[in-house]
Amino acid sequence: MTNFLNLAVTPIRVSVIALGLAFVSAQLLGAPAFAASSDPTPAPAPKKCKRGYVWSKKLKKCVRRTSEILTDDDFYAQAWVHAKTGEHQTALDLLWRIKNQKQAKVLNYIGYNTRKLGRVEEGIGYYHKALAVNPNYNKAREYLGEGYLQTGNLAKAKAELSEIETRCGRDCNEYQQLAKAISDFKTRLN
C-alpha cells in the first residue's frame, strides 16, 4: 500500500478513482456530439402501415391505431414515416394521438405538418410553443426559419439562422438546411 495525497492507495480506491475518471471523460467527450445535433428524428418505422394502423415497435407489426399497446414513440415514428411521404394530414392525425402533447419534438412536428398543409402561420405558432419548452431545439428553429421564408420574412429567417449558429455552429445539419433555404429564397428574389 502506498500513499497519495496523504491517502492510503488501495485497490478499491484505485478502482473508484478510475471509474470516476472514466465517467467524467465520457461526459466531456459526449457533450460536443450532443450539442451538434438536437434532432430526435426517429429511425423510420420499419414499415409504413396502411391508414388506421400504426407500427408497434413491441409487437413488430402494424396494429390498429386505437390499440392500447401503442406508445407515444410508436405514434411519433409512424407520423414521421407518413410526413416523409407527403401524407401530412395522416401524420397530424397520428401526432394528435400522442398523450404528452407538451414535448418540444411533438409540438415541432405538429407545426411542420401544419405548415406543409399550407397553414403557415398556425405552424409557426407551434414552433414557438416548441421553443418555449426547449429554446435549444434547433430543428424547431430551422423549421421556424423556413416558415418565415414562406411568409416572405427574410430578416426573421436570418435571425433564426443566427440562433442556430450560436447553439451548434455552422456544421450542424439544422444550420446547413436553413442556410440553403435562405440562399434559395434569395436566388428566387433576383
N, C-alpha and C. Protein backbone atom coordinates (compact mmCIF):
# COMPACT_ATOMS: atom_id res chain seq x y z
N MET A 1 0.85 -1.17 0.00
CA MET A 1 0.00 0.00 0.00
C MET A 1 0.90 1.24 0.00
N THR A 2 0.55 2.19 -0.86
CA THR A 2 1.31 3.43 -0.94
C THR A 2 0.41 4.59 -0.56
N ASN A 3 1.02 5.73 -0.37
CA ASN A 3 0.26 6.93 -0.03
C ASN A 3 0.27 7.90 -1.20
N PHE A 4 -0.87 8.50 -1.44
CA PHE A 4 -1.00 9.52 -2.48
C PHE A 4 -1.89 10.60 -1.90
N LEU A 5 -1.38 11.83 -1.85
CA LEU A 5 -2.11 12.95 -1.23
C LEU A 5 -2.54 12.60 0.19
N ASN A 6 -1.65 11.96 0.92
CA ASN A 6 -1.90 11.55 2.30
C ASN A 6 -3.06 10.56 2.44
N LEU A 7 -3.38 9.85 1.35
CA LEU A 7 -4.41 8.82 1.40
C LEU A 7 -3.76 7.48 1.11
N ALA A 8 -4.20 6.48 1.82
CA ALA A 8 -3.70 5.14 1.53
C ALA A 8 -4.31 4.70 0.21
N VAL A 9 -3.47 4.32 -0.74
CA VAL A 9 -3.95 3.90 -2.06
C VAL A 9 -4.15 2.39 -2.02
N THR A 10 -5.40 2.00 -2.01
CA THR A 10 -5.74 0.57 -2.00
C THR A 10 -6.34 0.23 -3.36
N PRO A 11 -6.40 -1.06 -3.69
CA PRO A 11 -7.02 -1.44 -4.98
C PRO A 11 -8.45 -0.92 -5.12
N ILE A 12 -9.19 -0.88 -4.04
CA ILE A 12 -10.58 -0.39 -4.12
C ILE A 12 -10.60 1.10 -4.43
N ARG A 13 -9.74 1.87 -3.77
CA ARG A 13 -9.70 3.31 -4.05
C ARG A 13 -9.25 3.58 -5.48
N VAL A 14 -8.29 2.81 -5.97
CA VAL A 14 -7.84 2.96 -7.36
C VAL A 14 -9.00 2.69 -8.31
N SER A 15 -9.78 1.66 -8.02
CA SER A 15 -10.93 1.33 -8.87
C SER A 15 -11.96 2.45 -8.87
N VAL A 16 -12.22 3.00 -7.69
CA VAL A 16 -13.20 4.09 -7.58
C VAL A 16 -12.71 5.32 -8.34
N ILE A 17 -11.44 5.65 -8.19
CA ILE A 17 -10.87 6.80 -8.90
C ILE A 17 -10.92 6.58 -10.41
N ALA A 18 -10.56 5.39 -10.86
CA ALA A 18 -10.60 5.08 -12.30
C ALA A 18 -12.01 5.17 -12.84
N LEU A 19 -12.97 4.66 -12.09
CA LEU A 19 -14.36 4.72 -12.51
C LEU A 19 -14.83 6.18 -12.60
N GLY A 20 -14.44 6.99 -11.62
CA GLY A 20 -14.80 8.40 -11.64
C GLY A 20 -14.20 9.13 -12.83
N LEU A 21 -12.93 8.86 -13.12
CA LEU A 21 -12.28 9.48 -14.28
C LEU A 21 -12.93 9.04 -15.59
N ALA A 22 -13.29 7.77 -15.67
CA ALA A 22 -13.95 7.26 -16.88
C ALA A 22 -15.29 7.96 -17.08
N PHE A 23 -16.04 8.15 -16.00
CA PHE A 23 -17.33 8.82 -16.08
C PHE A 23 -17.17 10.27 -16.56
N VAL A 24 -16.26 10.99 -15.94
CA VAL A 24 -16.02 12.39 -16.31
C VAL A 24 -15.57 12.48 -17.77
N SER A 25 -14.69 11.59 -18.19
CA SER A 25 -14.21 11.59 -19.58
C SER A 25 -15.36 11.35 -20.54
N ALA A 26 -16.23 10.40 -20.21
CA ALA A 26 -17.36 10.10 -21.09
C ALA A 26 -18.29 11.31 -21.19
N GLN A 27 -18.49 12.00 -20.08
CA GLN A 27 -19.35 13.19 -20.11
C GLN A 27 -18.75 14.29 -20.97
N LEU A 28 -17.46 14.51 -20.83
CA LEU A 28 -16.80 15.57 -21.60
C LEU A 28 -16.73 15.23 -23.07
N LEU A 29 -16.46 13.99 -23.40
CA LEU A 29 -16.36 13.60 -24.80
C LEU A 29 -17.72 13.52 -25.46
N GLY A 30 -18.75 13.20 -24.70
CA GLY A 30 -20.09 13.07 -25.26
C GLY A 30 -20.78 14.40 -25.49
N ALA A 31 -20.39 15.43 -24.77
CA ALA A 31 -21.08 16.71 -24.85
C ALA A 31 -21.08 17.33 -26.24
N PRO A 32 -19.94 17.40 -26.96
CA PRO A 32 -19.97 18.01 -28.27
C PRO A 32 -20.86 17.25 -29.25
N ALA A 33 -20.90 15.95 -29.14
CA ALA A 33 -21.74 15.17 -30.06
C ALA A 33 -23.20 15.51 -29.83
N PHE A 34 -23.61 15.66 -28.57
CA PHE A 34 -24.99 16.00 -28.28
C PHE A 34 -25.31 17.41 -28.76
N ALA A 35 -24.39 18.32 -28.58
CA ALA A 35 -24.63 19.70 -28.96
C ALA A 35 -24.72 19.87 -30.47
N ALA A 36 -24.09 18.99 -31.21
CA ALA A 36 -24.04 19.15 -32.66
C ALA A 36 -25.39 18.91 -33.32
N SER A 37 -26.22 18.05 -32.75
CA SER A 37 -27.50 17.78 -33.38
C SER A 37 -28.57 17.63 -32.32
N SER A 38 -29.64 18.38 -32.44
CA SER A 38 -30.70 18.31 -31.46
C SER A 38 -31.95 17.67 -32.05
N ASP A 39 -31.81 17.02 -33.16
CA ASP A 39 -32.95 16.45 -33.84
C ASP A 39 -33.24 15.04 -33.35
N PRO A 40 -34.39 14.81 -32.67
CA PRO A 40 -34.70 13.47 -32.22
C PRO A 40 -35.46 12.67 -33.26
N THR A 41 -35.27 13.00 -34.52
CA THR A 41 -35.97 12.30 -35.57
C THR A 41 -35.74 10.81 -35.42
N PRO A 42 -36.81 10.03 -35.34
CA PRO A 42 -36.64 8.59 -35.14
C PRO A 42 -36.13 7.93 -36.40
N ALA A 43 -35.52 6.79 -36.19
CA ALA A 43 -35.27 5.96 -37.36
C ALA A 43 -36.66 5.66 -37.89
N PRO A 44 -36.86 5.66 -39.17
CA PRO A 44 -38.22 5.44 -39.66
C PRO A 44 -38.77 4.11 -39.16
N ALA A 45 -40.07 4.09 -38.94
CA ALA A 45 -40.72 2.84 -38.55
C ALA A 45 -40.36 1.80 -39.61
N PRO A 46 -40.12 0.59 -39.21
CA PRO A 46 -39.72 -0.43 -40.17
C PRO A 46 -40.70 -0.60 -41.32
N LYS A 47 -41.96 -0.30 -41.08
CA LYS A 47 -42.95 -0.47 -42.13
C LYS A 47 -43.96 0.67 -42.07
N LYS A 48 -44.31 1.19 -43.22
CA LYS A 48 -45.38 2.18 -43.27
C LYS A 48 -46.69 1.41 -43.28
N CYS A 49 -47.48 1.63 -42.27
CA CYS A 49 -48.74 0.91 -42.14
C CYS A 49 -49.84 1.62 -42.92
N LYS A 50 -50.85 0.85 -43.33
CA LYS A 50 -51.97 1.46 -44.04
C LYS A 50 -52.76 2.35 -43.09
N ARG A 51 -53.58 3.21 -43.66
CA ARG A 51 -54.35 4.18 -42.88
C ARG A 51 -55.14 3.45 -41.79
N GLY A 52 -55.07 4.02 -40.58
CA GLY A 52 -55.79 3.43 -39.46
C GLY A 52 -54.95 2.46 -38.64
N TYR A 53 -53.71 2.21 -39.10
CA TYR A 53 -52.81 1.29 -38.40
C TYR A 53 -51.49 1.99 -38.09
N VAL A 54 -50.82 1.50 -37.06
CA VAL A 54 -49.54 2.06 -36.63
C VAL A 54 -48.59 0.90 -36.34
N TRP A 55 -47.32 1.08 -36.71
CA TRP A 55 -46.30 0.07 -36.42
C TRP A 55 -46.02 0.04 -34.92
N SER A 56 -46.18 -1.14 -34.33
CA SER A 56 -45.86 -1.33 -32.92
C SER A 56 -44.43 -1.85 -32.82
N LYS A 57 -43.57 -1.07 -32.20
CA LYS A 57 -42.18 -1.49 -32.02
C LYS A 57 -42.12 -2.76 -31.17
N LYS A 58 -43.00 -2.85 -30.19
CA LYS A 58 -43.01 -4.00 -29.29
C LYS A 58 -43.45 -5.28 -30.01
N LEU A 59 -44.53 -5.20 -30.78
CA LEU A 59 -45.06 -6.39 -31.46
C LEU A 59 -44.42 -6.62 -32.82
N LYS A 60 -43.72 -5.60 -33.33
CA LYS A 60 -43.08 -5.67 -34.64
C LYS A 60 -44.07 -5.99 -35.76
N LYS A 61 -45.22 -5.30 -35.70
CA LYS A 61 -46.23 -5.42 -36.75
C LYS A 61 -47.18 -4.24 -36.67
N CYS A 62 -47.95 -4.05 -37.73
CA CYS A 62 -48.95 -2.99 -37.75
C CYS A 62 -50.16 -3.41 -36.93
N VAL A 63 -50.62 -2.51 -36.07
CA VAL A 63 -51.81 -2.76 -35.26
C VAL A 63 -52.75 -1.57 -35.40
N ARG A 64 -54.03 -1.79 -35.09
CA ARG A 64 -54.99 -0.68 -35.17
C ARG A 64 -54.51 0.48 -34.30
N ARG A 65 -54.69 1.68 -34.82
CA ARG A 65 -54.17 2.85 -34.10
C ARG A 65 -54.89 3.10 -32.78
N THR A 66 -55.97 2.39 -32.52
CA THR A 66 -56.68 2.52 -31.25
C THR A 66 -56.17 1.53 -30.21
N SER A 67 -55.21 0.70 -30.57
CA SER A 67 -54.67 -0.31 -29.66
C SER A 67 -54.01 0.35 -28.45
N GLU A 68 -54.24 -0.23 -27.29
CA GLU A 68 -53.65 0.27 -26.05
C GLU A 68 -52.16 -0.02 -25.97
N ILE A 69 -51.66 -0.95 -26.79
CA ILE A 69 -50.24 -1.33 -26.75
C ILE A 69 -49.34 -0.24 -27.33
N LEU A 70 -49.91 0.64 -28.15
CA LEU A 70 -49.10 1.66 -28.83
C LEU A 70 -48.61 2.72 -27.86
N THR A 71 -47.37 3.12 -28.06
CA THR A 71 -46.75 4.15 -27.22
C THR A 71 -46.70 5.48 -27.98
N ASP A 72 -46.40 6.54 -27.26
CA ASP A 72 -46.20 7.84 -27.90
C ASP A 72 -45.11 7.75 -28.97
N ASP A 73 -44.06 7.00 -28.67
CA ASP A 73 -42.97 6.84 -29.65
C ASP A 73 -43.44 6.12 -30.91
N ASP A 74 -44.35 5.15 -30.77
CA ASP A 74 -44.91 4.46 -31.94
C ASP A 74 -45.67 5.45 -32.82
N PHE A 75 -46.51 6.27 -32.20
CA PHE A 75 -47.27 7.27 -32.97
C PHE A 75 -46.34 8.28 -33.63
N TYR A 76 -45.33 8.73 -32.90
CA TYR A 76 -44.39 9.71 -33.45
C TYR A 76 -43.64 9.12 -34.65
N ALA A 77 -43.14 7.91 -34.50
CA ALA A 77 -42.37 7.28 -35.59
C ALA A 77 -43.25 7.06 -36.82
N GLN A 78 -44.49 6.63 -36.62
CA GLN A 78 -45.38 6.41 -37.76
C GLN A 78 -45.76 7.74 -38.42
N ALA A 79 -45.96 8.78 -37.61
CA ALA A 79 -46.23 10.12 -38.17
C ALA A 79 -45.06 10.57 -39.02
N TRP A 80 -43.85 10.31 -38.55
CA TRP A 80 -42.64 10.67 -39.28
C TRP A 80 -42.63 10.00 -40.65
N VAL A 81 -42.96 8.71 -40.69
CA VAL A 81 -42.97 7.97 -41.95
C VAL A 81 -43.98 8.58 -42.92
N HIS A 82 -45.17 8.89 -42.43
CA HIS A 82 -46.20 9.47 -43.30
C HIS A 82 -45.82 10.87 -43.77
N ALA A 83 -45.23 11.66 -42.88
CA ALA A 83 -44.81 13.02 -43.27
C ALA A 83 -43.76 12.97 -44.37
N LYS A 84 -42.83 12.05 -44.26
CA LYS A 84 -41.74 11.96 -45.25
C LYS A 84 -42.24 11.53 -46.62
N THR A 85 -43.45 10.95 -46.67
CA THR A 85 -44.02 10.58 -47.97
C THR A 85 -45.11 11.58 -48.39
N GLY A 86 -45.16 12.73 -47.69
CA GLY A 86 -46.08 13.80 -48.09
C GLY A 86 -47.50 13.66 -47.56
N GLU A 87 -47.74 12.70 -46.69
CA GLU A 87 -49.08 12.49 -46.13
C GLU A 87 -49.20 13.26 -44.81
N HIS A 88 -49.25 14.57 -44.93
CA HIS A 88 -49.18 15.43 -43.75
C HIS A 88 -50.43 15.38 -42.88
N GLN A 89 -51.60 15.22 -43.48
CA GLN A 89 -52.81 15.13 -42.66
C GLN A 89 -52.82 13.83 -41.86
N THR A 90 -52.39 12.73 -42.48
CA THR A 90 -52.29 11.46 -41.75
C THR A 90 -51.28 11.59 -40.62
N ALA A 91 -50.16 12.25 -40.89
CA ALA A 91 -49.15 12.47 -39.85
C ALA A 91 -49.74 13.27 -38.70
N LEU A 92 -50.49 14.33 -39.01
CA LEU A 92 -51.11 15.13 -37.95
C LEU A 92 -52.10 14.31 -37.13
N ASP A 93 -52.92 13.50 -37.81
CA ASP A 93 -53.88 12.65 -37.10
C ASP A 93 -53.16 11.75 -36.10
N LEU A 94 -52.01 11.23 -36.48
CA LEU A 94 -51.23 10.37 -35.58
C LEU A 94 -50.61 11.18 -34.44
N LEU A 95 -50.11 12.36 -34.75
CA LEU A 95 -49.50 13.20 -33.72
C LEU A 95 -50.51 13.61 -32.65
N TRP A 96 -51.77 13.82 -33.05
CA TRP A 96 -52.79 14.22 -32.08
C TRP A 96 -53.11 13.08 -31.11
N ARG A 97 -52.73 11.86 -31.43
CA ARG A 97 -52.96 10.71 -30.54
C ARG A 97 -51.90 10.58 -29.45
N ILE A 98 -50.83 11.34 -29.57
CA ILE A 98 -49.77 11.28 -28.57
C ILE A 98 -50.28 11.88 -27.26
N LYS A 99 -50.09 11.14 -26.18
CA LYS A 99 -50.62 11.59 -24.88
C LYS A 99 -49.92 12.83 -24.37
N ASN A 100 -48.60 12.88 -24.45
CA ASN A 100 -47.84 14.03 -23.95
C ASN A 100 -47.63 15.05 -25.07
N GLN A 101 -48.57 15.95 -25.21
CA GLN A 101 -48.54 16.96 -26.27
C GLN A 101 -47.61 18.12 -25.97
N LYS A 102 -46.98 18.12 -24.79
CA LYS A 102 -46.13 19.24 -24.40
C LYS A 102 -44.66 18.99 -24.67
N GLN A 103 -44.33 17.96 -25.43
CA GLN A 103 -42.94 17.69 -25.79
C GLN A 103 -42.55 18.60 -26.95
N ALA A 104 -41.34 19.13 -26.90
CA ALA A 104 -40.87 20.02 -27.97
C ALA A 104 -40.91 19.31 -29.32
N LYS A 105 -40.49 18.05 -29.37
CA LYS A 105 -40.45 17.34 -30.65
C LYS A 105 -41.86 17.15 -31.22
N VAL A 106 -42.84 16.94 -30.36
CA VAL A 106 -44.22 16.76 -30.83
C VAL A 106 -44.78 18.09 -31.33
N LEU A 107 -44.62 19.15 -30.56
CA LEU A 107 -45.10 20.47 -30.98
C LEU A 107 -44.43 20.90 -32.28
N ASN A 108 -43.14 20.64 -32.40
CA ASN A 108 -42.41 20.97 -33.61
C ASN A 108 -42.98 20.22 -34.81
N TYR A 109 -43.24 18.94 -34.63
CA TYR A 109 -43.71 18.14 -35.76
C TYR A 109 -45.16 18.45 -36.12
N ILE A 110 -45.96 18.84 -35.14
CA ILE A 110 -47.31 19.33 -35.45
C ILE A 110 -47.17 20.60 -36.29
N GLY A 111 -46.26 21.48 -35.89
CA GLY A 111 -46.02 22.70 -36.67
C GLY A 111 -45.56 22.40 -38.08
N TYR A 112 -44.64 21.46 -38.23
CA TYR A 112 -44.11 21.10 -39.54
C TYR A 112 -45.22 20.61 -40.47
N ASN A 113 -46.02 19.67 -39.99
CA ASN A 113 -47.07 19.11 -40.84
C ASN A 113 -48.18 20.11 -41.11
N THR A 114 -48.48 20.96 -40.14
CA THR A 114 -49.47 22.01 -40.34
C THR A 114 -48.98 22.99 -41.41
N ARG A 115 -47.71 23.37 -41.32
CA ARG A 115 -47.13 24.29 -42.31
C ARG A 115 -47.14 23.66 -43.69
N LYS A 116 -46.80 22.38 -43.78
CA LYS A 116 -46.77 21.70 -45.07
C LYS A 116 -48.17 21.59 -45.69
N LEU A 117 -49.20 21.65 -44.85
CA LEU A 117 -50.58 21.64 -45.35
C LEU A 117 -51.04 23.03 -45.79
N GLY A 118 -50.14 24.03 -45.69
CA GLY A 118 -50.45 25.38 -46.15
C GLY A 118 -50.89 26.33 -45.06
N ARG A 119 -51.00 25.86 -43.84
CA ARG A 119 -51.40 26.71 -42.72
C ARG A 119 -50.13 27.21 -42.02
N VAL A 120 -49.42 28.09 -42.72
CA VAL A 120 -48.08 28.51 -42.31
C VAL A 120 -48.09 29.23 -40.97
N GLU A 121 -48.96 30.20 -40.80
CA GLU A 121 -48.99 30.97 -39.54
C GLU A 121 -49.31 30.06 -38.35
N GLU A 122 -50.22 29.13 -38.54
CA GLU A 122 -50.55 28.18 -37.48
C GLU A 122 -49.33 27.31 -37.15
N GLY A 123 -48.63 26.87 -38.19
CA GLY A 123 -47.41 26.08 -37.99
C GLY A 123 -46.36 26.86 -37.22
N ILE A 124 -46.18 28.13 -37.57
CA ILE A 124 -45.22 28.99 -36.87
C ILE A 124 -45.57 29.07 -35.39
N GLY A 125 -46.85 29.12 -35.08
CA GLY A 125 -47.28 29.14 -33.68
C GLY A 125 -46.82 27.91 -32.92
N TYR A 126 -46.88 26.75 -33.57
CA TYR A 126 -46.42 25.52 -32.91
C TYR A 126 -44.90 25.51 -32.72
N TYR A 127 -44.17 26.08 -33.66
CA TYR A 127 -42.71 26.17 -33.48
C TYR A 127 -42.38 27.03 -32.26
N HIS A 128 -43.13 28.12 -32.09
CA HIS A 128 -42.91 28.97 -30.92
C HIS A 128 -43.21 28.20 -29.63
N LYS A 129 -44.26 27.39 -29.65
CA LYS A 129 -44.58 26.57 -28.47
C LYS A 129 -43.46 25.57 -28.19
N ALA A 130 -42.93 24.96 -29.24
CA ALA A 130 -41.82 24.00 -29.07
C ALA A 130 -40.61 24.70 -28.46
N LEU A 131 -40.32 25.89 -28.94
CA LEU A 131 -39.16 26.64 -28.43
C LEU A 131 -39.39 27.17 -27.01
N ALA A 132 -40.65 27.36 -26.63
CA ALA A 132 -40.94 27.74 -25.24
C ALA A 132 -40.62 26.57 -24.30
N VAL A 133 -40.81 25.36 -24.78
CA VAL A 133 -40.48 24.16 -24.00
C VAL A 133 -38.97 23.96 -23.97
N ASN A 134 -38.32 24.13 -25.14
CA ASN A 134 -36.87 23.91 -25.24
C ASN A 134 -36.27 24.92 -26.21
N PRO A 135 -35.75 26.03 -25.70
CA PRO A 135 -35.17 27.07 -26.56
C PRO A 135 -33.98 26.59 -27.39
N ASN A 136 -33.37 25.49 -27.01
CA ASN A 136 -32.20 24.96 -27.74
C ASN A 136 -32.58 23.91 -28.78
N TYR A 137 -33.86 23.76 -29.05
CA TYR A 137 -34.31 22.75 -30.02
C TYR A 137 -34.12 23.31 -31.43
N ASN A 138 -32.98 23.02 -32.00
CA ASN A 138 -32.58 23.61 -33.28
C ASN A 138 -33.44 23.20 -34.46
N LYS A 139 -34.02 22.01 -34.44
CA LYS A 139 -34.89 21.59 -35.54
C LYS A 139 -36.10 22.52 -35.61
N ALA A 140 -36.65 22.90 -34.46
CA ALA A 140 -37.77 23.85 -34.46
C ALA A 140 -37.33 25.21 -35.00
N ARG A 141 -36.12 25.62 -34.66
CA ARG A 141 -35.60 26.90 -35.17
C ARG A 141 -35.43 26.84 -36.70
N GLU A 142 -34.93 25.71 -37.19
CA GLU A 142 -34.78 25.56 -38.65
C GLU A 142 -36.14 25.66 -39.34
N TYR A 143 -37.11 24.90 -38.85
CA TYR A 143 -38.44 24.92 -39.46
C TYR A 143 -39.11 26.28 -39.30
N LEU A 144 -38.88 26.94 -38.16
CA LEU A 144 -39.43 28.28 -37.96
C LEU A 144 -38.85 29.24 -39.01
N GLY A 145 -37.55 29.15 -39.24
CA GLY A 145 -36.92 29.97 -40.27
C GLY A 145 -37.51 29.70 -41.65
N GLU A 146 -37.76 28.42 -41.95
CA GLU A 146 -38.38 28.08 -43.24
C GLU A 146 -39.80 28.65 -43.32
N GLY A 147 -40.52 28.61 -42.20
CA GLY A 147 -41.86 29.20 -42.17
C GLY A 147 -41.81 30.69 -42.43
N TYR A 148 -40.85 31.35 -41.80
CA TYR A 148 -40.69 32.79 -42.04
C TYR A 148 -40.41 33.08 -43.51
N LEU A 149 -39.60 32.23 -44.14
CA LEU A 149 -39.33 32.42 -45.58
C LEU A 149 -40.62 32.27 -46.39
N GLN A 150 -41.47 31.34 -45.99
CA GLN A 150 -42.74 31.16 -46.71
C GLN A 150 -43.62 32.39 -46.60
N THR A 151 -43.47 33.14 -45.51
CA THR A 151 -44.26 34.37 -45.36
C THR A 151 -43.51 35.58 -45.92
N GLY A 152 -42.30 35.35 -46.44
CA GLY A 152 -41.52 36.42 -47.04
C GLY A 152 -40.67 37.20 -46.05
N ASN A 153 -40.55 36.72 -44.83
CA ASN A 153 -39.82 37.45 -43.80
C ASN A 153 -38.38 36.94 -43.69
N LEU A 154 -37.53 37.45 -44.58
CA LEU A 154 -36.13 37.05 -44.63
C LEU A 154 -35.38 37.43 -43.36
N ALA A 155 -35.68 38.59 -42.80
CA ALA A 155 -34.97 39.06 -41.59
C ALA A 155 -35.17 38.09 -40.42
N LYS A 156 -36.40 37.63 -40.22
CA LYS A 156 -36.66 36.69 -39.12
C LYS A 156 -36.02 35.33 -39.40
N ALA A 157 -35.99 34.92 -40.65
CA ALA A 157 -35.33 33.65 -41.00
C ALA A 157 -33.84 33.74 -40.69
N LYS A 158 -33.23 34.88 -41.03
CA LYS A 158 -31.81 35.08 -40.73
C LYS A 158 -31.56 35.10 -39.23
N ALA A 159 -32.49 35.66 -38.48
CA ALA A 159 -32.34 35.69 -37.01
C ALA A 159 -32.34 34.27 -36.45
N GLU A 160 -33.19 33.40 -36.99
CA GLU A 160 -33.21 32.00 -36.54
C GLU A 160 -31.91 31.30 -36.93
N LEU A 161 -31.39 31.61 -38.12
CA LEU A 161 -30.12 31.03 -38.55
C LEU A 161 -29.01 31.43 -37.57
N SER A 162 -29.02 32.67 -37.15
CA SER A 162 -28.03 33.16 -36.19
C SER A 162 -28.17 32.44 -34.85
N GLU A 163 -29.41 32.21 -34.41
CA GLU A 163 -29.65 31.48 -33.16
C GLU A 163 -29.12 30.05 -33.25
N ILE A 164 -29.35 29.42 -34.39
CA ILE A 164 -28.85 28.05 -34.59
C ILE A 164 -27.33 28.04 -34.55
N GLU A 165 -26.71 29.00 -35.23
CA GLU A 165 -25.25 29.07 -35.25
C GLU A 165 -24.68 29.23 -33.84
N THR A 166 -25.33 30.04 -33.04
CA THR A 166 -24.89 30.24 -31.65
C THR A 166 -24.94 28.93 -30.87
N ARG A 167 -25.95 28.10 -31.15
CA ARG A 167 -26.16 26.89 -30.39
C ARG A 167 -25.34 25.69 -30.88
N CYS A 168 -25.12 25.60 -32.19
CA CYS A 168 -24.43 24.38 -32.67
C CYS A 168 -23.41 24.64 -33.78
N GLY A 169 -23.18 25.90 -34.11
CA GLY A 169 -22.19 26.21 -35.13
C GLY A 169 -22.74 26.07 -36.54
N ARG A 170 -21.83 26.23 -37.50
CA ARG A 170 -22.24 26.18 -38.91
C ARG A 170 -22.22 24.78 -39.50
N ASP A 171 -21.67 23.83 -38.76
CA ASP A 171 -21.55 22.47 -39.29
C ASP A 171 -22.76 21.60 -39.00
N CYS A 172 -23.64 22.04 -38.10
CA CYS A 172 -24.78 21.17 -37.77
C CYS A 172 -25.80 21.19 -38.92
N ASN A 173 -26.54 20.12 -39.02
CA ASN A 173 -27.50 19.92 -40.10
C ASN A 173 -28.55 21.03 -40.16
N GLU A 174 -29.05 21.44 -39.00
CA GLU A 174 -30.10 22.46 -38.97
C GLU A 174 -29.59 23.78 -39.55
N TYR A 175 -28.36 24.15 -39.22
CA TYR A 175 -27.79 25.38 -39.77
C TYR A 175 -27.67 25.26 -41.28
N GLN A 176 -27.14 24.16 -41.75
CA GLN A 176 -26.92 23.99 -43.19
C GLN A 176 -28.23 23.97 -43.96
N GLN A 177 -29.26 23.33 -43.41
CA GLN A 177 -30.55 23.27 -44.09
C GLN A 177 -31.19 24.66 -44.20
N LEU A 178 -31.17 25.41 -43.10
CA LEU A 178 -31.78 26.75 -43.14
C LEU A 178 -30.95 27.70 -43.99
N ALA A 179 -29.63 27.59 -43.94
CA ALA A 179 -28.77 28.43 -44.78
C ALA A 179 -29.07 28.19 -46.25
N LYS A 180 -29.28 26.92 -46.62
CA LYS A 180 -29.61 26.59 -48.01
C LYS A 180 -30.98 27.16 -48.39
N ALA A 181 -31.95 27.03 -47.49
CA ALA A 181 -33.28 27.58 -47.76
C ALA A 181 -33.23 29.09 -47.95
N ILE A 182 -32.42 29.77 -47.14
CA ILE A 182 -32.27 31.23 -47.27
C ILE A 182 -31.59 31.57 -48.60
N SER A 183 -30.56 30.83 -48.96
CA SER A 183 -29.87 31.05 -50.23
C SER A 183 -30.82 30.85 -51.41
N ASP A 184 -31.61 29.79 -51.36
CA ASP A 184 -32.59 29.53 -52.42
C ASP A 184 -33.63 30.64 -52.49
N PHE A 185 -34.06 31.13 -51.34
CA PHE A 185 -35.03 32.22 -51.27
C PHE A 185 -34.48 33.47 -51.93
N LYS A 186 -33.22 33.80 -51.61
CA LYS A 186 -32.58 34.98 -52.20
C LYS A 186 -32.45 34.83 -53.71
N THR A 187 -32.13 33.63 -54.18
CA THR A 187 -32.00 33.38 -55.62
C THR A 187 -33.33 33.62 -56.32
N ARG A 188 -34.42 33.17 -55.70
CA ARG A 188 -35.74 33.37 -56.29
C ARG A 188 -36.13 34.84 -56.34
N LEU A 189 -35.62 35.63 -55.39
CA LEU A 189 -35.92 37.07 -55.38
C LEU A 189 -35.25 37.81 -56.53
N ASN A 190 -34.10 37.32 -56.96
CA ASN A 190 -33.32 38.02 -58.00
C ASN A 190 -33.80 37.69 -59.37
